[in-house]
């Protein structure tokens, strides 16, 4: 198993590069209500959560896209699959996080996943398993990173910042040692208890697609993306799921990025056309440190 590329102490710099806006966490978010859409005639659409009443939660500063991680050709950039508004919701104790990896697997020297508890400043650091030989040819692509069950469960109603750090090494064409680059994305997540309305909708579902639609209706990003992403990965030729995936990723809204259009053509639609790759798992053993 790979060792973390960075000392955990240096990982504090990843989060300190971004401001940590205060977020109201004492009450669960509610989502705009609409009928549960499970019809094949209508793609799954994500309905962003809104705070109850007139309270407004401040947006997080995230690094959704690392514009320095450009792959060759039109492969795009290292991208966190999170909605443009920042903070995302999960009902899982150990959720999955989805990221688009540009470039070839051979160019990836190491990867590290960081999870910081916003209130306490505690950071867990996980090594990320390298792509296995049978999936290396599938990159670039979208990958799912699931928090291992050995990690502490996310605390309900509390905010966590997460980051994926990818270290690329591009070999020299001649006799040189090549070039190494470090790129990262940062986003935030909050765990919530499933509402009674969501539980009622989930009790009616019979397929992964319906499950994804129920979560999307109630603004639960992680489970909506994971339910649909895994179903689509198992059925890559299903045109209905392809349409659903493209519709759900419209919430990522790369077009609203302050530096859009990017140096190379890359938007939410192009992102949705990238393969979903069975890769990569987080190491069960995490390094834990306290933010100074």
C-alpha atoms as a PDB file:
ATOM      1  CA  UNK A   1       0.000   0.000   0.000  1.00  0.00           C
ATOM      2  CA  UNK A   2       1.247   3.420  -0.895  1.00  0.00           C
ATOM      3  CA  UNK A   3       2.396   5.818   1.784  1.00  0.00           C
ATOM      4  CA  UNK A   4       0.792   9.295   1.865  1.00  0.00           C
ATOM      5  CA  UNK A   5       2.790  11.566  -0.405  1.00  0.00           C
ATOM      6  CA  UNK A   6       2.584  14.507   1.997  1.00  0.00           C
ATOM      7  CA  UNK A   7       3.204  14.600   5.742  1.00  0.00           C
ATOM      8  CA  UNK A   8      -0.132  15.107   7.461  1.00  0.00           C
ATOM      9  CA  UNK A   9       1.113  18.395   8.902  1.00  0.00           C
ATOM     10  CA  UNK A  10       1.562  19.777   5.392  1.00  0.00           C
ATOM     11  CA  UNK A  11      -1.990  18.733   4.551  1.00  0.00           C
ATOM     12  CA  UNK A  12      -3.223  21.594   6.748  1.00  0.00           C
ATOM     13  CA  UNK A  13      -2.041  23.895   3.965  1.00  0.00           C
ATOM     14  CA  UNK A  14      -4.539  22.393   1.549  1.00  0.00           C
ATOM     15  CA  UNK A  15      -7.450  23.544   3.691  1.00  0.00           C
ATOM     16  CA  UNK A  16      -5.860  26.803   4.797  1.00  0.00           C
ATOM     17  CA  UNK A  17      -5.610  27.880   1.153  1.00  0.00           C
ATOM     18  CA  UNK A  18      -9.370  28.160   1.147  1.00  0.00           C
ATOM     19  CA  UNK A  19     -11.491  30.247   3.499  1.00  0.00           C
ATOM     20  CA  UNK A  20     -13.690  28.329   5.900  1.00  0.00           C
ATOM     21  CA  UNK A  21     -16.953  30.210   5.826  1.00  0.00           C
ATOM     22  CA  UNK A  22     -19.287  29.668   8.758  1.00  0.00           C
ATOM     23  CA  UNK A  23     -22.186  27.351   8.022  1.00  0.00           C
ATOM     24  CA  UNK A  24     -25.390  26.994   9.991  1.00  0.00           C
ATOM     25  CA  UNK A  25     -25.433  23.365  11.140  1.00  0.00           C
ATOM     26  CA  UNK A  26     -27.911  23.345  14.023  1.00  0.00           C
ATOM     27  CA  UNK A  27     -30.883  22.539  11.810  1.00  0.00           C
ATOM     28  CA  UNK A  28     -31.286  20.113   8.958  1.00  0.00           C
ATOM     29  CA  UNK A  29     -31.685  21.524   5.465  1.00  0.00           C
ATOM     30  CA  UNK A  30     -34.967  21.021   3.692  1.00  0.00           C
ATOM     31  CA  UNK A  31     -35.362  20.626  -0.046  1.00  0.00           C
ATOM     32  CA  UNK A  32     -37.932  21.969  -2.442  1.00  0.00           C
ATOM     33  CA  UNK A  33     -40.656  19.386  -2.715  1.00  0.00           C
ATOM     34  CA  UNK A  34     -41.808  17.873  -5.985  1.00  0.00           C
ATOM     35  CA  UNK A  35     -43.337  14.551  -6.974  1.00  0.00           C
ATOM     36  CA  UNK A  36     -40.885  11.682  -7.034  1.00  0.00           C
ATOM     37  CA  UNK A  37     -39.752  11.354 -10.645  1.00  0.00           C
ATOM     38  CA  UNK A  38     -39.219   7.742 -11.650  1.00  0.00           C
ATOM     39  CA  UNK A  39     -40.672   7.994 -15.133  1.00  0.00           C
ATOM     40  CA  UNK A  40     -38.378   6.949 -17.958  1.00  0.00           C
ATOM     41  CA  UNK A  41     -39.648   9.978 -19.879  1.00  0.00           C
ATOM     42  CA  UNK A  42     -38.054  12.467 -17.479  1.00  0.00           C
ATOM     43  CA  UNK A  43     -34.355  12.464 -16.505  1.00  0.00           C
ATOM     44  CA  UNK A  44     -33.384  12.574 -12.846  1.00  0.00           C
ATOM     45  CA  UNK A  45     -32.869  16.170 -11.727  1.00  0.00           C
ATOM     46  CA  UNK A  46     -31.107  17.290  -8.549  1.00  0.00           C
ATOM     47  CA  UNK A  47     -33.063  19.732  -6.392  1.00  0.00           C
ATOM     48  CA  UNK A  48     -30.591  21.709  -4.238  1.00  0.00           C
ATOM     49  CA  UNK A  49     -31.317  21.843  -0.507  1.00  0.00           C
ATOM     50  CA  UNK A  50     -32.410  25.112   1.043  1.00  0.00           C
ATOM     51  CA  UNK A  51     -32.227  26.176   4.712  1.00  0.00           C
ATOM     52  CA  UNK A  52     -35.554  26.207   6.591  1.00  0.00           C
ATOM     53  CA  UNK A  53     -37.337  29.537   6.959  1.00  0.00           C
ATOM     54  CA  UNK A  54     -35.390  32.578   5.861  1.00  0.00           C
ATOM     55  CA  UNK A  55     -32.032  31.488   7.272  1.00  0.00           C
ATOM     56  CA  UNK A  56     -29.361  31.335   4.625  1.00  0.00           C
ATOM     57  CA  UNK A  57     -26.238  29.217   5.014  1.00  0.00           C
ATOM     58  CA  UNK A  58     -23.060  30.831   3.766  1.00  0.00           C
ATOM     59  CA  UNK A  59     -21.418  29.116   0.839  1.00  0.00           C
ATOM     60  CA  UNK A  60     -18.180  27.274   1.321  1.00  0.00           C
ATOM     61  CA  UNK A  61     -15.113  28.237  -0.602  1.00  0.00           C
ATOM     62  CA  UNK A  62     -14.234  25.101  -2.522  1.00  0.00           C
ATOM     63  CA  UNK A  63     -11.757  24.111  -5.173  1.00  0.00           C
ATOM     64  CA  UNK A  64     -14.119  22.189  -7.390  1.00  0.00           C
ATOM     65  CA  UNK A  65     -11.673  22.148 -10.320  1.00  0.00           C
ATOM     66  CA  UNK A  66      -7.862  22.223 -10.357  1.00  0.00           C
ATOM     67  CA  UNK A  67      -7.124  24.150 -13.521  1.00  0.00           C
ATOM     68  CA  UNK A  68      -3.461  23.210 -13.327  1.00  0.00           C
ATOM     69  CA  UNK A  69      -4.236  19.523 -13.829  1.00  0.00           C
ATOM     70  CA  UNK A  70      -4.969  19.665 -17.530  1.00  0.00           C
ATOM     71  CA  UNK A  71      -4.691  16.307 -19.249  1.00  0.00           C
ATOM     72  CA  UNK A  72      -3.472  15.833 -22.800  1.00  0.00           C
ATOM     73  CA  UNK A  73      -5.904  16.658 -25.580  1.00  0.00           C
ATOM     74  CA  UNK A  74      -9.402  17.446 -24.316  1.00  0.00           C
ATOM     75  CA  UNK A  75      -9.412  15.206 -21.259  1.00  0.00           C
ATOM     76  CA  UNK A  76     -10.311  18.043 -18.918  1.00  0.00           C
ATOM     77  CA  UNK A  77      -9.198  18.777 -15.351  1.00  0.00           C
ATOM     78  CA  UNK A  78      -9.135  17.141 -11.923  1.00  0.00           C
ATOM     79  CA  UNK A  79     -12.721  17.789 -10.798  1.00  0.00           C
ATOM     80  CA  UNK A  80     -14.746  17.093  -7.649  1.00  0.00           C
ATOM     81  CA  UNK A  81     -18.238  15.957  -8.630  1.00  0.00           C
ATOM     82  CA  UNK A  82     -20.093  18.329  -6.322  1.00  0.00           C
ATOM     83  CA  UNK A  83     -22.757  20.946  -7.049  1.00  0.00           C
ATOM     84  CA  UNK A  84     -21.506  24.439  -7.735  1.00  0.00           C
ATOM     85  CA  UNK A  85     -23.037  25.831  -4.524  1.00  0.00           C
ATOM     86  CA  UNK A  86     -20.471  23.989  -2.393  1.00  0.00           C
ATOM     87  CA  UNK A  87     -21.742  22.197   0.728  1.00  0.00           C
ATOM     88  CA  UNK A  88     -23.293  18.801  -0.031  1.00  0.00           C
ATOM     89  CA  UNK A  89     -25.474  16.545   2.094  1.00  0.00           C
ATOM     90  CA  UNK A  90     -25.286  12.844   2.935  1.00  0.00           C
ATOM     91  CA  UNK A  91     -27.303  10.519   5.135  1.00  0.00           C
ATOM     92  CA  UNK A  92     -24.524   7.915   5.252  1.00  0.00           C
ATOM     93  CA  UNK A  93     -22.053   7.438   8.090  1.00  0.00           C
ATOM     94  CA  UNK A  94     -19.352   6.501   5.546  1.00  0.00           C
ATOM     95  CA  UNK A  95     -20.309   8.172   2.251  1.00  0.00           C
ATOM     96  CA  UNK A  96     -18.730   7.970  -1.171  1.00  0.00           C
ATOM     97  CA  UNK A  97     -16.937  10.879  -2.838  1.00  0.00           C
ATOM     98  CA  UNK A  98     -16.723  11.106  -6.623  1.00  0.00           C
ATOM     99  CA  UNK A  99     -13.869  12.692  -8.599  1.00  0.00           C
ATOM    100  CA  UNK A 100     -12.893  12.931 -12.257  1.00  0.00           C
ATOM    101  CA  UNK A 101      -9.244  11.956 -12.839  1.00  0.00           C
ATOM    102  CA  UNK A 102      -7.665  13.293 -16.049  1.00  0.00           C
ATOM    103  CA  UNK A 103      -4.503  11.858 -17.555  1.00  0.00           C
ATOM    104  CA  UNK A 104      -3.313   8.280 -17.764  1.00  0.00           C
ATOM    105  CA  UNK A 105      -2.947   5.892 -14.826  1.00  0.00           C
ATOM    106  CA  UNK A 106       0.777   5.545 -15.492  1.00  0.00           C
ATOM    107  CA  UNK A 107       1.150   9.288 -14.848  1.00  0.00           C
ATOM    108  CA  UNK A 108      -0.301   9.032 -11.316  1.00  0.00           C
ATOM    109  CA  UNK A 109       2.494   8.645  -8.780  1.00  0.00           C
ATOM    110  CA  UNK A 110       0.328   8.648  -5.649  1.00  0.00           C
ATOM    111  CA  UNK A 111      -2.992   9.863  -4.275  1.00  0.00           C
ATOM    112  CA  UNK A 112      -4.072  10.932  -0.796  1.00  0.00           C
ATOM    113  CA  UNK A 113      -7.564  11.568   0.595  1.00  0.00           C
ATOM    114  CA  UNK A 114      -8.004  14.005   3.490  1.00  0.00           C
ATOM    115  CA  UNK A 115     -11.052  14.436   5.724  1.00  0.00           C
ATOM    116  CA  UNK A 116     -11.153  17.322   8.196  1.00  0.00           C
ATOM    117  CA  UNK A 117     -13.768  17.717  10.930  1.00  0.00           C
ATOM    118  CA  UNK A 118     -14.572  21.429  10.696  1.00  0.00           C
ATOM    119  CA  UNK A 119     -15.355  21.995  14.378  1.00  0.00           C
ATOM    120  CA  UNK A 120     -12.437  20.143  15.989  1.00  0.00           C
ATOM    121  CA  UNK A 121      -9.850  20.581  13.233  1.00  0.00           C
ATOM    122  CA  UNK A 122      -8.986  16.868  13.297  1.00  0.00           C
ATOM    123  CA  UNK A 123      -7.719  15.567   9.948  1.00  0.00           C
ATOM    124  CA  UNK A 124      -7.709  11.947   8.825  1.00  0.00           C
ATOM    125  CA  UNK A 125      -5.375  11.083   5.948  1.00  0.00           C
ATOM    126  CA  UNK A 126      -5.905   7.995   3.778  1.00  0.00           C
ATOM    127  CA  UNK A 127      -3.625   6.584   1.113  1.00  0.00           C
ATOM    128  CA  UNK A 128      -5.475   5.790  -2.107  1.00  0.00           C
ATOM    129  CA  UNK A 129      -4.855   2.489  -3.837  1.00  0.00           C
ATOM    130  CA  UNK A 130      -3.322   2.875  -7.287  1.00  0.00           C
ATOM    131  CA  UNK A 131      -5.399   1.782 -10.300  1.00  0.00           C
ATOM    132  CA  UNK A 132      -4.977  -1.934 -10.931  1.00  0.00           C
ATOM    133  CA  UNK A 133      -3.544  -3.055 -14.300  1.00  0.00           C
ATOM    134  CA  UNK A 134      -6.950  -4.159 -15.585  1.00  0.00           C
ATOM    135  CA  UNK A 135      -8.427  -0.665 -15.200  1.00  0.00           C
ATOM    136  CA  UNK A 136      -5.400   1.468 -16.057  1.00  0.00           C
ATOM    137  CA  UNK A 137      -6.475   1.673 -19.689  1.00  0.00           C
ATOM    138  CA  UNK A 138      -9.901   2.984 -18.573  1.00  0.00           C
ATOM    139  CA  UNK A 139      -8.464   6.256 -17.298  1.00  0.00           C
ATOM    140  CA  UNK A 140      -9.099   9.126 -17.611  1.00  0.00           C
ATOM    141  CA  UNK A 141     -12.427   8.645 -15.914  1.00  0.00           C
ATOM    142  CA  UNK A 142     -14.717   9.213 -12.942  1.00  0.00           C
ATOM    143  CA  UNK A 143     -13.819   7.309  -9.751  1.00  0.00           C
ATOM    144  CA  UNK A 144     -15.669   6.613  -6.512  1.00  0.00           C
ATOM    145  CA  UNK A 145     -13.825   6.916  -3.186  1.00  0.00           C
ATOM    146  CA  UNK A 146     -15.749   5.390  -0.276  1.00  0.00           C
ATOM    147  CA  UNK A 147     -14.854   6.216   3.296  1.00  0.00           C
ATOM    148  CA  UNK A 148     -13.784   2.877   4.846  1.00  0.00           C
ATOM    149  CA  UNK A 149     -15.824   1.433   7.689  1.00  0.00           C
ATOM    150  CA  UNK A 150     -12.683   1.479   9.839  1.00  0.00           C
ATOM    151  CA  UNK A 151     -12.878   5.288   9.851  1.00  0.00           C
ATOM    152  CA  UNK A 152     -14.938   7.142  12.442  1.00  0.00           C
ATOM    153  CA  UNK A 153     -18.508   7.745  11.202  1.00  0.00           C
ATOM    154  CA  UNK A 154     -19.436  11.260  10.194  1.00  0.00           C
ATOM    155  CA  UNK A 155     -21.189  13.082  13.020  1.00  0.00           C
ATOM    156  CA  UNK A 156     -24.746  14.133  12.340  1.00  0.00           C
ATOM    157  CA  UNK A 157     -25.310  17.833  11.507  1.00  0.00           C
ATOM    158  CA  UNK A 158     -21.578  18.601  11.510  1.00  0.00           C
ATOM    159  CA  UNK A 159     -19.491  19.793   8.560  1.00  0.00           C
ATOM    160  CA  UNK A 160     -16.415  18.076   7.133  1.00  0.00           C
ATOM    161  CA  UNK A 161     -14.007  19.315   4.487  1.00  0.00           C
ATOM    162  CA  UNK A 162     -12.563  16.706   2.162  1.00  0.00           C
ATOM    163  CA  UNK A 163      -9.762  16.815  -0.362  1.00  0.00           C
ATOM    164  CA  UNK A 164      -8.196  14.509  -2.911  1.00  0.00           C
ATOM    165  CA  UNK A 165      -4.522  15.189  -3.648  1.00  0.00           C
ATOM    166  CA  UNK A 166      -3.155  13.634  -6.829  1.00  0.00           C
ATOM    167  CA  UNK A 167       0.570  13.557  -7.522  1.00  0.00           C
ATOM    168  CA  UNK A 168       1.387  13.196 -11.204  1.00  0.00           C
ATOM    169  CA  UNK A 169       4.802  12.309 -12.614  1.00  0.00           C
ATOM    170  CA  UNK A 170       5.396  12.865 -16.313  1.00  0.00           C
ATOM    171  CA  UNK A 171       8.492  10.961 -17.513  1.00  0.00           C
ATOM    172  CA  UNK A 172      11.069  12.838 -19.540  1.00  0.00           C
ATOM    173  CA  UNK A 173      11.176  12.130 -23.255  1.00  0.00           C
ATOM    174  CA  UNK A 174      14.961  12.083 -23.041  1.00  0.00           C
ATOM    175  CA  UNK A 175      17.381  11.171 -20.292  1.00  0.00           C
ATOM    176  CA  UNK A 176      15.984  13.605 -17.699  1.00  0.00           C
ATOM    177  CA  UNK A 177      14.083  12.679 -14.550  1.00  0.00           C
ATOM    178  CA  UNK A 178      10.751  14.088 -15.728  1.00  0.00           C
ATOM    179  CA  UNK A 179       8.359  16.444 -13.981  1.00  0.00           C
ATOM    180  CA  UNK A 180       6.174  15.992 -10.902  1.00  0.00           C
ATOM    181  CA  UNK A 181       2.968  17.916 -10.287  1.00  0.00           C
ATOM    182  CA  UNK A 182       0.646  18.027  -7.284  1.00  0.00           C
ATOM    183  CA  UNK A 183      -3.025  18.829  -7.847  1.00  0.00           C
ATOM    184  CA  UNK A 184      -6.022  18.799  -5.530  1.00  0.00           C
ATOM    185  CA  UNK A 185      -9.726  19.475  -5.156  1.00  0.00           C
ATOM    186  CA  UNK A 186     -11.553  20.486  -1.959  1.00  0.00           C
ATOM    187  CA  UNK A 187     -15.244  20.330  -1.027  1.00  0.00           C
ATOM    188  CA  UNK A 188     -17.464  20.100   2.061  1.00  0.00           C
ATOM    189  CA  UNK A 189     -20.074  17.620   3.275  1.00  0.00           C
ATOM    190  CA  UNK A 190     -22.614  17.503   6.084  1.00  0.00           C
ATOM    191  CA  UNK A 191     -24.319  14.351   7.363  1.00  0.00           C
ATOM    192  CA  UNK A 192     -28.027  14.578   8.159  1.00  0.00           C
ATOM    193  CA  UNK A 193     -30.729  12.262   9.396  1.00  0.00           C
ATOM    194  CA  UNK A 194     -33.088  11.273   6.596  1.00  0.00           C
ATOM    195  CA  UNK A 195     -36.338  13.214   6.824  1.00  0.00           C
ATOM    196  CA  UNK A 196     -39.668  11.446   7.202  1.00  0.00           C
ATOM    197  CA  UNK A 197     -40.561  12.537   3.679  1.00  0.00           C
ATOM    198  CA  UNK A 198     -37.376  11.013   2.262  1.00  0.00           C
ATOM    199  CA  UNK A 199     -37.937   7.784   4.206  1.00  0.00           C
ATOM    200  CA  UNK A 200     -41.465   7.594   2.800  1.00  0.00           C
ATOM    201  CA  UNK A 201     -40.193   8.026  -0.758  1.00  0.00           C
ATOM    202  CA  UNK A 202     -37.417   5.460  -0.255  1.00  0.00           C
ATOM    203  CA  UNK A 203     -40.008   2.945   0.994  1.00  0.00           C
ATOM    204  CA  UNK A 204     -41.674   3.116  -2.431  1.00  0.00           C
ATOM    205  CA  UNK A 205     -38.608   2.590  -4.643  1.00  0.00           C
ATOM    206  CA  UNK A 206     -37.897  -0.701  -6.374  1.00  0.00           C
ATOM    207  CA  UNK A 207     -34.831   0.130  -8.495  1.00  0.00           C
ATOM    208  CA  UNK A 208     -31.504   1.951  -8.037  1.00  0.00           C
ATOM    209  CA  UNK A 209     -32.749   4.576 -10.485  1.00  0.00           C
ATOM    210  CA  UNK A 210     -35.808   5.292  -8.345  1.00  0.00           C
ATOM    211  CA  UNK A 211     -33.593   5.420  -5.270  1.00  0.00           C
ATOM    212  CA  UNK A 212     -31.325   7.990  -6.948  1.00  0.00           C
ATOM    213  CA  UNK A 213     -34.387  10.034  -7.920  1.00  0.00           C
ATOM    214  CA  UNK A 214     -35.686  10.016  -4.340  1.00  0.00           C
ATOM    215  CA  UNK A 215     -32.379  11.254  -2.944  1.00  0.00           C
ATOM    216  CA  UNK A 216     -32.093  13.885  -5.691  1.00  0.00           C
ATOM    217  CA  UNK A 217     -35.592  15.160  -4.934  1.00  0.00           C
ATOM    218  CA  UNK A 218     -34.625  15.768  -1.300  1.00  0.00           C
ATOM    219  CA  UNK A 219     -31.250  17.395  -2.010  1.00  0.00           C
ATOM    220  CA  UNK A 220     -29.107  14.471  -0.778  1.00  0.00           C
ATOM    221  CA  UNK A 221     -26.260  14.670  -3.263  1.00  0.00           C
ATOM    222  CA  UNK A 222     -23.934  11.865  -2.198  1.00  0.00           C
ATOM    223  CA  UNK A 223     -26.469   9.027  -2.142  1.00  0.00           C
ATOM    224  CA  UNK A 224     -28.162  10.246  -5.322  1.00  0.00           C
ATOM    225  CA  UNK A 225     -24.832  10.336  -7.175  1.00  0.00           C
ATOM    226  CA  UNK A 226     -23.677   7.010  -5.709  1.00  0.00           C
ATOM    227  CA  UNK A 227     -26.930   5.144  -6.429  1.00  0.00           C
ATOM    228  CA  UNK A 228     -27.066   6.337 -10.017  1.00  0.00           C
ATOM    229  CA  UNK A 229     -23.299   6.207 -10.636  1.00  0.00           C
ATOM    230  CA  UNK A 230     -22.960   2.580  -9.562  1.00  0.00           C
ATOM    231  CA  UNK A 231     -26.073   1.566 -11.513  1.00  0.00           C
ATOM    232  CA  UNK A 232     -24.841   3.321 -14.648  1.00  0.00           C
ATOM    233  CA  UNK A 233     -21.335   1.852 -14.271  1.00  0.00           C
ATOM    234  CA  UNK A 234     -22.905  -1.629 -14.283  1.00  0.00           C
ATOM    235  CA  UNK A 235     -25.072  -0.743 -17.298  1.00  0.00           C
ATOM    236  CA  UNK A 236     -22.935   1.598 -19.429  1.00  0.00           C
ATOM    237  CA  UNK A 237     -24.977   1.021 -22.606  1.00  0.00           C
ATOM    238  CA  UNK A 238     -28.302   2.015 -21.035  1.00  0.00           C
ATOM    239  CA  UNK A 239     -29.325   5.228 -22.799  1.00  0.00           C
ATOM    240  CA  UNK A 240     -31.856   6.137 -20.114  1.00  0.00           C
ATOM    241  CA  UNK A 241     -29.181   5.972 -17.410  1.00  0.00           C
ATOM    242  CA  UNK A 242     -26.787   7.931 -19.640  1.00  0.00           C
ATOM    243  CA  UNK A 243     -29.402  10.682 -19.896  1.00  0.00           C
ATOM    244  CA  UNK A 244     -30.008  10.568 -16.130  1.00  0.00           C
ATOM    245  CA  UNK A 245     -26.268  10.809 -15.433  1.00  0.00           C
ATOM    246  CA  UNK A 246     -25.882  13.813 -17.729  1.00  0.00           C
ATOM    247  CA  UNK A 247     -28.926  15.472 -16.136  1.00  0.00           C
ATOM    248  CA  UNK A 248     -27.676  14.892 -12.583  1.00  0.00           C
ATOM    249  CA  UNK A 249     -24.206  16.233 -13.413  1.00  0.00           C
ATOM    250  CA  UNK A 250     -25.743  19.462 -14.679  1.00  0.00           C
ATOM    251  CA  UNK A 251     -25.814  20.377 -10.964  1.00  0.00           C
ATOM    252  CA  UNK A 252     -21.997  20.335 -11.008  1.00  0.00           C
ATOM    253  CA  UNK A 253     -22.439  23.373 -13.283  1.00  0.00           C
ATOM    254  CA  UNK A 254     -18.869  23.842 -14.468  1.00  0.00           C
ATOM    255  CA  UNK A 255     -20.233  26.603 -16.674  1.00  0.00           C
ATOM    256  CA  UNK A 256     -20.664  28.815 -13.568  1.00  0.00           C
ATOM    257  CA  UNK A 257     -16.970  28.503 -12.630  1.00  0.00           C
ATOM    258  CA  UNK A 258     -15.389  31.992 -12.482  1.00  0.00           C
ATOM    259  CA  UNK A 259     -12.706  30.956 -15.005  1.00  0.00           C
ATOM    260  CA  UNK A 260     -15.105  29.345 -17.497  1.00  0.00           C
ATOM    261  CA  UNK A 261     -14.632  28.866 -20.430  1.00  0.00           C
ATOM    262  CA  UNK A 262     -11.494  26.924 -19.610  1.00  0.00           C
ATOM    263  CA  UNK A 263      -8.316  26.757 -21.677  1.00  0.00           C
ATOM    264  CA  UNK A 264      -9.535  23.493 -23.188  1.00  0.00           C
ATOM    265  CA  UNK A 265     -13.165  22.586 -23.902  1.00  0.00           C
ATOM    266  CA  UNK A 266     -14.532  21.006 -20.720  1.00  0.00           C
ATOM    267  CA  UNK A 267     -18.025  21.437 -19.291  1.00  0.00           C
ATOM    268  CA  UNK A 268     -20.694  19.481 -17.428  1.00  0.00           C
ATOM    269  CA  UNK A 269     -21.797  17.681 -20.574  1.00  0.00           C
ATOM    270  CA  UNK A 270     -18.256  16.557 -21.439  1.00  0.00           C
ATOM    271  CA  UNK A 271     -17.781  15.480 -17.823  1.00  0.00           C
ATOM    272  CA  UNK A 272     -20.870  13.261 -18.034  1.00  0.00           C
ATOM    273  CA  UNK A 273     -19.416  11.508 -21.099  1.00  0.00           C
ATOM    274  CA  UNK A 274     -16.308  10.302 -19.252  1.00  0.00           C
ATOM    275  CA  UNK A 275     -16.211   6.632 -18.250  1.00  0.00           C
ATOM    276  CA  UNK A 276     -17.003   5.598 -14.672  1.00  0.00           C
ATOM    277  CA  UNK A 277     -14.011   3.504 -13.586  1.00  0.00           C
ATOM    278  CA  UNK A 278     -13.960   0.796 -10.897  1.00  0.00           C
ATOM    279  CA  UNK A 279     -11.119   2.401  -8.972  1.00  0.00           C
ATOM    280  CA  UNK A 280      -9.821   3.279  -6.307  1.00  0.00           C
ATOM    281  CA  UNK A 281     -10.151   2.266  -2.638  1.00  0.00           C
ATOM    282  CA  UNK A 282      -8.996   4.129   0.448  1.00  0.00           C
ATOM    283  CA  UNK A 283      -6.552   2.443   2.813  1.00  0.00           C
ATOM    284  CA  UNK A 284      -8.258   1.209   5.999  1.00  0.00           C
ATOM    285  CA  UNK A 285      -5.435   2.636   8.149  1.00  0.00           C
ATOM    286  CA  UNK A 286      -5.663   6.392   8.445  1.00  0.00           C
ATOM    287  CA  UNK A 287      -3.135   8.838   9.857  1.00  0.00           C
ATOM    288  CA  UNK A 288      -4.788  11.240  12.283  1.00  0.00           C
ATOM    289  CA  UNK A 289      -3.532  14.697  13.204  1.00  0.00           C
ATOM    290  CA  UNK A 290      -4.862  17.766  14.959  1.00  0.00           C
ATOM    291  CA  UNK A 291      -4.960  21.065  13.127  1.00  0.00           C
ATOM    292  CA  UNK A 292      -2.738  23.610  14.937  1.00  0.00           C
END
